[in-house]
Amino acid sequence: CPQVTVEAVVGGSVILPCSSAEHDLKPQDINVHWRQNGSIYVYDIIKGKDSVVDQDPRYKIRTKTFPEEYVRRNFSIKLTGLTHADAGTYICHITPSNEQETVLLIINGV
């Protein structure tokens, strides 16, 4: 699957892009799972609603989605207060269409 590379700086913010090409699904039928490095729970959108129940504590209050964009199948997330620990591979997995987007986040700065 294609990979997007995004660069940001320590202390800054970044938008990690993710969208679905599946036009037959309504937002309430879609689940989106954002994971860092394969296992860290960054964010979940369950049946079109934000869910942070299983969210890793490192991402609490630092993640934001754009619910008004869900109808356009845009499930991008914004990360704020970036640290070097945020660098890595983020996977946005969309079900039931089984789409997956990979975003490589590179953090620059001291």
N, C-alpha and C. Protein backbone atom coordinates (compact mmCIF):
# COMPACT_ATOMS: atom_id res chain seq x y z
N CYS A 1 0.85 -1.19 0.00
CA CYS A 1 0.00 0.00 0.00
C CYS A 1 0.89 1.24 0.00
N PRO A 2 0.42 2.29 -0.62
CA PRO A 2 1.25 3.50 -0.70
C PRO A 2 1.48 4.10 0.68
N GLN A 3 2.62 4.72 0.84
CA GLN A 3 2.96 5.32 2.12
C GLN A 3 3.16 6.82 1.93
N VAL A 4 2.62 7.59 2.86
CA VAL A 4 2.80 9.03 2.86
C VAL A 4 3.83 9.36 3.92
N THR A 5 4.74 10.28 3.60
CA THR A 5 5.71 10.72 4.60
C THR A 5 5.37 12.16 5.00
N VAL A 6 5.27 12.39 6.31
CA VAL A 6 4.96 13.71 6.84
C VAL A 6 6.08 14.11 7.78
N GLU A 7 6.53 15.36 7.66
CA GLU A 7 7.58 15.85 8.55
C GLU A 7 7.02 16.95 9.44
N ALA A 8 7.47 16.98 10.67
CA ALA A 8 7.03 18.01 11.62
C ALA A 8 8.16 18.29 12.58
N VAL A 9 7.97 19.30 13.44
CA VAL A 9 9.01 19.66 14.39
C VAL A 9 8.55 19.43 15.82
N VAL A 10 9.51 19.20 16.71
CA VAL A 10 9.23 19.01 18.12
C VAL A 10 8.43 20.21 18.64
N GLY A 11 7.37 19.93 19.39
CA GLY A 11 6.54 20.98 19.95
C GLY A 11 5.45 21.47 19.02
N GLY A 12 5.56 21.09 17.75
CA GLY A 12 4.58 21.54 16.76
C GLY A 12 3.39 20.61 16.66
N SER A 13 2.65 20.76 15.58
CA SER A 13 1.51 19.89 15.34
C SER A 13 1.56 19.41 13.89
N VAL A 14 0.80 18.34 13.62
CA VAL A 14 0.84 17.75 12.29
C VAL A 14 -0.50 17.09 12.01
N ILE A 15 -0.87 17.07 10.75
CA ILE A 15 -2.06 16.32 10.35
C ILE A 15 -1.62 15.06 9.64
N LEU A 16 -2.11 13.92 10.13
CA LEU A 16 -1.83 12.64 9.50
C LEU A 16 -3.02 12.32 8.61
N PRO A 17 -2.80 12.24 7.29
CA PRO A 17 -3.92 12.09 6.37
C PRO A 17 -4.44 10.67 6.28
N CYS A 18 -5.75 10.55 6.12
CA CYS A 18 -6.38 9.25 5.91
C CYS A 18 -7.76 9.49 5.33
N SER A 19 -8.04 8.83 4.21
CA SER A 19 -9.37 8.96 3.63
C SER A 19 -9.76 7.65 2.96
N SER A 20 -11.05 7.48 2.79
CA SER A 20 -11.59 6.26 2.20
C SER A 20 -12.09 6.54 0.80
N ALA A 21 -11.87 5.58 -0.10
CA ALA A 21 -12.37 5.71 -1.46
C ALA A 21 -13.72 5.01 -1.62
N GLU A 22 -14.18 4.41 -0.54
CA GLU A 22 -15.42 3.62 -0.58
C GLU A 22 -16.61 4.56 -0.44
N HIS A 23 -17.36 4.74 -1.53
CA HIS A 23 -18.42 5.75 -1.50
C HIS A 23 -19.78 5.22 -1.09
N ASP A 24 -19.90 3.91 -0.97
CA ASP A 24 -21.20 3.34 -0.63
C ASP A 24 -21.46 3.30 0.87
N LEU A 25 -20.42 3.55 1.66
CA LEU A 25 -20.57 3.44 3.11
C LEU A 25 -20.95 4.77 3.73
N LYS A 26 -21.85 4.71 4.69
CA LYS A 26 -22.20 5.90 5.46
C LYS A 26 -21.22 5.99 6.64
N PRO A 27 -20.98 7.20 7.16
CA PRO A 27 -20.05 7.33 8.29
C PRO A 27 -20.40 6.41 9.45
N GLN A 28 -21.69 6.21 9.72
CA GLN A 28 -22.07 5.37 10.86
C GLN A 28 -21.81 3.88 10.60
N ASP A 29 -21.43 3.52 9.38
CA ASP A 29 -21.09 2.13 9.07
C ASP A 29 -19.58 1.89 9.12
N ILE A 30 -18.82 2.96 9.34
CA ILE A 30 -17.37 2.88 9.18
C ILE A 30 -16.65 2.88 10.54
N ASN A 31 -15.65 2.03 10.65
CA ASN A 31 -14.74 2.04 11.79
C ASN A 31 -13.34 2.39 11.28
N VAL A 32 -12.67 3.28 12.00
CA VAL A 32 -11.32 3.68 11.63
C VAL A 32 -10.42 3.48 12.84
N HIS A 33 -9.31 2.79 12.63
CA HIS A 33 -8.38 2.51 13.72
C HIS A 33 -7.01 3.09 13.37
N TRP A 34 -6.57 4.06 14.16
CA TRP A 34 -5.23 4.63 13.99
C TRP A 34 -4.29 3.95 14.97
N ARG A 35 -3.18 3.40 14.46
CA ARG A 35 -2.19 2.74 15.31
C ARG A 35 -0.80 3.28 14.99
N GLN A 36 0.03 3.39 16.02
CA GLN A 36 1.42 3.78 15.80
C GLN A 36 2.30 2.55 15.97
N ASN A 37 3.21 2.36 15.04
CA ASN A 37 4.17 1.24 15.08
C ASN A 37 3.47 -0.10 15.34
N GLY A 38 2.29 -0.24 14.74
CA GLY A 38 1.60 -1.52 14.75
C GLY A 38 0.72 -1.82 15.93
N SER A 39 1.02 -1.23 17.11
CA SER A 39 0.28 -1.69 18.28
C SER A 39 -0.23 -0.59 19.20
N ILE A 40 0.33 0.61 19.12
CA ILE A 40 -0.08 1.67 20.05
C ILE A 40 -1.38 2.31 19.56
N TYR A 41 -2.38 2.29 20.42
CA TYR A 41 -3.68 2.85 20.07
C TYR A 41 -3.60 4.37 20.08
N VAL A 42 -3.74 4.98 18.91
CA VAL A 42 -3.67 6.43 18.81
C VAL A 42 -5.09 7.02 18.85
N TYR A 43 -5.97 6.44 18.04
CA TYR A 43 -7.34 6.97 17.96
C TYR A 43 -8.23 5.93 17.29
N ASP A 44 -9.49 5.91 17.71
CA ASP A 44 -10.48 5.06 17.03
C ASP A 44 -11.70 5.90 16.70
N ILE A 45 -12.25 5.62 15.54
CA ILE A 45 -13.56 6.18 15.18
C ILE A 45 -14.46 4.97 14.96
N ILE A 46 -15.43 4.79 15.84
CA ILE A 46 -16.29 3.61 15.80
C ILE A 46 -17.69 4.03 15.37
N LYS A 47 -18.14 3.44 14.25
CA LYS A 47 -19.45 3.76 13.70
C LYS A 47 -19.66 5.27 13.58
N GLY A 48 -18.61 5.96 13.11
CA GLY A 48 -18.72 7.38 12.86
C GLY A 48 -18.59 8.25 14.10
N LYS A 49 -18.29 7.64 15.26
CA LYS A 49 -18.15 8.41 16.50
C LYS A 49 -16.74 8.22 17.07
N ASP A 50 -16.19 9.29 17.63
CA ASP A 50 -14.86 9.21 18.23
C ASP A 50 -14.86 8.30 19.45
N SER A 51 -13.84 7.49 19.57
CA SER A 51 -13.72 6.59 20.71
C SER A 51 -12.28 6.61 21.22
N VAL A 52 -12.12 7.00 22.49
CA VAL A 52 -10.77 7.06 23.05
C VAL A 52 -10.64 6.13 24.25
N VAL A 53 -11.54 5.15 24.34
CA VAL A 53 -11.55 4.22 25.47
C VAL A 53 -10.21 3.50 25.60
N ASP A 54 -9.70 3.00 24.48
CA ASP A 54 -8.46 2.22 24.51
C ASP A 54 -7.23 3.06 24.15
N GLN A 55 -7.41 4.36 24.04
CA GLN A 55 -6.33 5.22 23.58
C GLN A 55 -5.13 5.18 24.53
N ASP A 56 -3.94 5.11 23.94
CA ASP A 56 -2.71 5.16 24.73
C ASP A 56 -2.65 6.50 25.47
N PRO A 57 -2.28 6.47 26.76
CA PRO A 57 -2.25 7.71 27.55
C PRO A 57 -1.39 8.82 26.94
N ARG A 58 -0.37 8.42 26.17
CA ARG A 58 0.50 9.43 25.56
C ARG A 58 -0.26 10.34 24.60
N TYR A 59 -1.38 9.84 24.08
CA TYR A 59 -2.10 10.60 23.06
C TYR A 59 -3.32 11.34 23.62
N LYS A 60 -3.60 11.14 24.91
CA LYS A 60 -4.74 11.84 25.51
C LYS A 60 -4.57 13.35 25.33
N ILE A 61 -5.67 14.00 24.98
CA ILE A 61 -5.78 15.45 24.75
C ILE A 61 -4.85 16.00 23.66
N ARG A 62 -4.08 15.14 23.02
CA ARG A 62 -3.19 15.63 21.95
C ARG A 62 -3.69 15.27 20.57
N THR A 63 -4.77 14.50 20.50
CA THR A 63 -5.30 14.09 19.20
C THR A 63 -6.63 14.77 18.94
N LYS A 64 -6.84 15.10 17.67
CA LYS A 64 -8.09 15.75 17.29
C LYS A 64 -8.48 15.21 15.92
N THR A 65 -9.77 14.96 15.76
CA THR A 65 -10.26 14.55 14.44
C THR A 65 -11.18 15.65 13.92
N PHE A 66 -11.71 15.42 12.76
CA PHE A 66 -12.55 16.42 12.10
C PHE A 66 -13.89 15.78 11.74
N PRO A 67 -14.78 15.62 12.75
CA PRO A 67 -16.04 14.88 12.53
C PRO A 67 -16.87 15.41 11.36
N GLU A 68 -16.79 16.72 11.10
CA GLU A 68 -17.55 17.28 9.98
C GLU A 68 -17.04 16.76 8.64
N GLU A 69 -15.83 16.19 8.66
CA GLU A 69 -15.24 15.66 7.42
C GLU A 69 -15.59 14.19 7.19
N TYR A 70 -16.15 13.52 8.20
CA TYR A 70 -16.42 12.09 8.08
C TYR A 70 -17.33 11.79 6.89
N VAL A 71 -18.29 12.68 6.65
CA VAL A 71 -19.21 12.44 5.52
C VAL A 71 -18.45 12.47 4.20
N ARG A 72 -17.32 13.15 4.16
CA ARG A 72 -16.48 13.17 2.95
C ARG A 72 -15.43 12.07 3.01
N ARG A 73 -15.58 11.16 3.98
CA ARG A 73 -14.68 10.03 4.16
C ARG A 73 -13.24 10.44 4.43
N ASN A 74 -13.12 11.57 5.12
CA ASN A 74 -11.80 12.06 5.53
C ASN A 74 -11.66 11.76 7.02
N PHE A 75 -10.74 10.86 7.35
CA PHE A 75 -10.55 10.44 8.74
C PHE A 75 -9.16 10.83 9.25
N SER A 76 -8.63 11.92 8.72
CA SER A 76 -7.33 12.42 9.15
C SER A 76 -7.38 12.81 10.62
N ILE A 77 -6.21 12.72 11.28
CA ILE A 77 -6.14 13.18 12.67
C ILE A 77 -5.04 14.23 12.79
N LYS A 78 -5.21 15.09 13.79
CA LYS A 78 -4.20 16.10 14.08
C LYS A 78 -3.55 15.77 15.41
N LEU A 79 -2.22 15.75 15.41
CA LEU A 79 -1.45 15.52 16.64
C LEU A 79 -0.80 16.84 17.03
N THR A 80 -0.90 17.18 18.32
CA THR A 80 -0.28 18.41 18.80
C THR A 80 0.77 18.10 19.86
N GLY A 81 1.60 19.08 20.19
CA GLY A 81 2.62 18.91 21.22
C GLY A 81 3.56 17.77 20.90
N LEU A 82 4.05 17.76 19.67
CA LEU A 82 4.86 16.64 19.19
C LEU A 82 6.17 16.47 19.95
N THR A 83 6.54 15.20 20.17
CA THR A 83 7.83 14.86 20.76
C THR A 83 8.51 13.85 19.84
N HIS A 84 9.79 13.58 20.12
CA HIS A 84 10.51 12.58 19.31
C HIS A 84 9.84 11.21 19.40
N ALA A 85 9.17 10.94 20.51
CA ALA A 85 8.51 9.63 20.67
C ALA A 85 7.35 9.44 19.69
N ASP A 86 6.87 10.54 19.13
CA ASP A 86 5.75 10.44 18.18
C ASP A 86 6.20 9.99 16.79
N ALA A 87 7.50 10.04 16.54
CA ALA A 87 8.00 9.62 15.23
C ALA A 87 7.71 8.14 15.03
N GLY A 88 7.47 7.76 13.80
CA GLY A 88 7.25 6.35 13.50
C GLY A 88 6.20 6.18 12.43
N THR A 89 5.73 4.96 12.33
CA THR A 89 4.76 4.60 11.30
C THR A 89 3.36 4.56 11.89
N TYR A 90 2.48 5.28 11.26
CA TYR A 90 1.07 5.30 11.67
C TYR A 90 0.24 4.60 10.60
N ILE A 91 -0.63 3.72 11.04
CA ILE A 91 -1.50 3.03 10.10
C ILE A 91 -2.94 3.39 10.41
N CYS A 92 -3.63 3.78 9.38
CA CYS A 92 -5.05 4.10 9.47
C CYS A 92 -5.78 2.95 8.78
N HIS A 93 -6.50 2.15 9.55
CA HIS A 93 -7.19 0.98 9.01
C HIS A 93 -8.69 1.25 9.00
N ILE A 94 -9.29 1.15 7.83
CA ILE A 94 -10.71 1.45 7.68
C ILE A 94 -11.47 0.16 7.41
N THR A 95 -12.50 -0.12 8.23
CA THR A 95 -13.35 -1.26 7.98
C THR A 95 -14.79 -0.75 7.85
N PRO A 96 -15.65 -1.44 7.14
CA PRO A 96 -15.49 -2.77 6.56
C PRO A 96 -14.85 -2.82 5.17
N SER A 97 -14.43 -1.66 4.63
CA SER A 97 -13.88 -1.67 3.27
C SER A 97 -12.47 -2.24 3.22
N ASN A 98 -11.87 -2.45 4.42
CA ASN A 98 -10.54 -3.05 4.52
C ASN A 98 -9.47 -2.22 3.80
N GLU A 99 -9.63 -0.91 3.87
CA GLU A 99 -8.60 -0.03 3.31
C GLU A 99 -7.58 0.28 4.40
N GLN A 100 -6.37 0.55 3.96
CA GLN A 100 -5.32 0.85 4.93
C GLN A 100 -4.41 1.92 4.36
N GLU A 101 -4.11 2.92 5.17
CA GLU A 101 -3.15 3.95 4.75
C GLU A 101 -2.02 3.98 5.75
N THR A 102 -0.81 4.14 5.23
CA THR A 102 0.38 4.18 6.08
C THR A 102 0.99 5.57 6.00
N VAL A 103 1.23 6.15 7.17
CA VAL A 103 1.85 7.46 7.24
C VAL A 103 3.13 7.36 8.06
N LEU A 104 4.23 7.77 7.47
CA LEU A 104 5.51 7.80 8.19
C LEU A 104 5.71 9.20 8.73
N LEU A 105 5.79 9.33 10.06
CA LEU A 105 5.98 10.65 10.67
C LEU A 105 7.43 10.81 11.08
N ILE A 106 8.04 11.87 10.55
CA ILE A 106 9.43 12.19 10.89
C ILE A 106 9.41 13.46 11.72
N ILE A 107 10.06 13.42 12.89
CA ILE A 107 10.10 14.57 13.78
C ILE A 107 11.49 15.19 13.72
N ASN A 108 11.52 16.47 13.36
CA ASN A 108 12.79 17.20 13.30
C ASN A 108 12.90 18.15 14.49
N GLY A 109 14.11 18.54 14.82
CA GLY A 109 14.31 19.52 15.88
C GLY A 109 15.04 18.91 17.06
N VAL A 110 15.46 19.77 17.97
CA VAL A 110 16.27 19.32 19.10
C VAL A 110 15.40 19.03 20.30
